[in-house]
């Protein structure tokens, strides 16, 4: 099975030795996104703006991989403050409908560039 590297200018460019996503067959693995604006590469201001930007970035990478956020089967949410978990749920409700993907939420000490939230995803795409 071949691997296809996914890249889109509609999401922040990779800031390390990784790809925005890698597609293997009908599965796409989306790298963690933080709340960077893809045009300026600056973090959105505040937790709510960062959460929205994260899901917009994931949405762009999902589209570049040939899918949509609704194809996500697993998300991992990384938060520097788990008090923001309710906010993540509220914002997610604007991007996902039932059946929701499986999800884990992890409290972390810090994230790249001082981000407050990061989310990665696994998608299963239609053939």
Protein backbone atom coordinates (compact mmCIF):
# COMPACT_ATOMS: atom_id res chain seq x y z
CA UNK A 1 0.00 0.00 0.00
CA UNK A 2 1.46 3.35 -0.98
CA UNK A 3 1.56 6.46 1.17
CA UNK A 4 0.38 9.79 -0.19
CA UNK A 5 1.63 12.92 1.55
CA UNK A 6 -1.10 15.55 1.84
CA UNK A 7 -0.38 19.28 1.75
CA UNK A 8 -2.57 22.35 1.47
CA UNK A 9 -1.80 26.06 1.68
CA UNK A 10 -5.21 26.45 3.39
CA UNK A 11 -3.67 25.11 6.63
CA UNK A 12 -0.44 26.08 8.37
CA UNK A 13 2.68 24.64 6.79
CA UNK A 14 4.44 21.98 8.82
CA UNK A 15 6.82 23.54 11.35
CA UNK A 16 8.92 20.44 11.78
CA UNK A 17 9.76 17.08 10.32
CA UNK A 18 6.22 15.92 9.61
CA UNK A 19 3.49 16.14 6.97
CA UNK A 20 0.11 17.83 7.37
CA UNK A 21 -1.41 14.41 6.68
CA UNK A 22 -0.55 11.06 5.19
CA UNK A 23 -3.09 8.95 3.32
CA UNK A 24 -2.67 5.18 3.13
CA UNK A 25 -5.43 3.56 1.10
CA UNK A 26 -8.73 4.86 2.47
CA UNK A 27 -7.27 5.99 5.80
CA UNK A 28 -5.85 9.47 6.35
CA UNK A 29 -3.81 10.42 9.40
CA UNK A 30 -4.00 14.17 10.07
CA UNK A 31 -1.17 15.72 12.04
CA UNK A 32 -1.99 17.75 15.10
CA UNK A 33 -3.12 21.26 14.35
CA UNK A 34 -2.69 24.21 16.66
CA UNK A 35 -4.45 27.54 16.25
CA UNK A 36 -2.08 29.02 13.69
CA UNK A 37 -3.45 31.22 10.95
CA UNK A 38 -2.15 29.67 7.69
CA UNK A 39 -1.56 33.10 6.12
CA UNK A 40 0.39 34.72 8.95
CA UNK A 41 1.60 31.64 10.88
CA UNK A 42 0.59 33.50 14.06
CA UNK A 43 -1.52 32.00 16.84
CA UNK A 44 -5.12 33.11 17.11
CA UNK A 45 -5.75 35.26 20.17
CA UNK A 46 -7.35 33.41 23.07
CA UNK A 47 -8.62 29.90 23.64
CA UNK A 48 -11.92 30.14 21.75
CA UNK A 49 -10.29 31.63 18.66
CA UNK A 50 -7.59 28.95 18.81
CA UNK A 51 -10.13 26.12 19.06
CA UNK A 52 -12.03 27.47 16.05
CA UNK A 53 -8.79 27.91 14.08
CA UNK A 54 -7.72 24.33 14.94
CA UNK A 55 -10.94 22.91 13.48
CA UNK A 56 -10.72 25.17 10.43
CA UNK A 57 -7.16 23.92 9.86
CA UNK A 58 -8.22 20.28 10.27
CA UNK A 59 -11.14 20.89 7.90
CA UNK A 60 -8.73 22.22 5.24
CA UNK A 61 -6.36 19.27 5.59
CA UNK A 62 -9.29 16.82 5.53
CA UNK A 63 -10.48 18.36 2.25
CA UNK A 64 -6.98 18.16 0.78
CA UNK A 65 -6.94 14.46 1.69
CA UNK A 66 -10.20 13.93 -0.22
CA UNK A 67 -12.57 13.95 2.72
CA UNK A 68 -14.31 16.08 5.30
CA UNK A 69 -14.38 16.31 9.07
CA UNK A 70 -17.41 14.02 9.02
CA UNK A 71 -15.06 11.25 7.85
CA UNK A 72 -13.08 11.47 11.11
CA UNK A 73 -13.29 8.31 13.19
CA UNK A 74 -10.87 9.35 15.95
CA UNK A 75 -9.73 12.67 17.41
CA UNK A 76 -7.23 13.43 20.12
CA UNK A 77 -7.56 16.79 21.84
CA UNK A 78 -4.59 18.16 23.77
CA UNK A 79 -5.32 21.01 26.19
CA UNK A 80 -2.97 22.96 28.43
CA UNK A 81 -5.96 23.57 30.73
CA UNK A 82 -8.68 20.94 30.95
CA UNK A 83 -11.08 23.66 32.16
CA UNK A 84 -11.45 24.46 28.44
CA UNK A 85 -12.91 21.02 27.68
CA UNK A 86 -16.50 22.34 27.72
CA UNK A 87 -15.55 25.05 25.22
CA UNK A 88 -13.99 22.44 22.92
CA UNK A 89 -17.24 20.44 23.05
CA UNK A 90 -19.27 23.53 22.18
CA UNK A 91 -17.06 24.45 19.22
CA UNK A 92 -16.92 20.83 18.02
CA UNK A 93 -20.72 20.78 17.85
CA UNK A 94 -20.44 23.29 15.01
CA UNK A 95 -18.12 21.03 13.00
CA UNK A 96 -19.44 17.51 13.65
CA UNK A 97 -22.78 15.73 13.60
CA UNK A 98 -23.73 12.31 14.91
CA UNK A 99 -22.33 9.77 14.80
CA UNK A 100 -19.43 11.61 16.42
CA UNK A 101 -15.87 10.33 16.11
CA UNK A 102 -14.23 8.58 19.03
CA UNK A 103 -12.18 11.06 21.02
CA UNK A 104 -9.62 11.35 23.76
CA UNK A 105 -8.83 14.54 25.67
CA UNK A 106 -5.42 14.89 27.25
CA UNK A 107 -4.14 17.56 29.61
CA UNK A 108 -0.60 18.58 28.70
CA UNK A 109 1.99 20.88 30.27
CA UNK A 110 2.67 22.80 27.06
CA UNK A 111 2.20 22.79 23.29
CA UNK A 112 4.27 24.13 20.38
CA UNK A 113 4.47 27.92 20.09
CA UNK A 114 2.60 28.37 23.36
CA UNK A 115 -0.66 27.09 21.88
CA UNK A 116 -3.51 26.32 24.26
CA UNK A 117 -5.04 23.47 22.23
CA UNK A 118 -4.01 20.94 19.58
CA UNK A 119 -6.13 18.32 17.81
CA UNK A 120 -5.16 15.46 15.50
CA UNK A 121 -7.46 13.12 13.61
CA UNK A 122 -7.77 9.82 11.79
CA UNK A 123 -10.22 9.68 8.88
CA UNK A 124 -11.63 6.75 6.94
CA UNK A 125 -12.50 7.85 3.42
CA UNK A 126 -14.93 6.41 0.93
CA UNK A 127 -13.30 4.48 -1.92
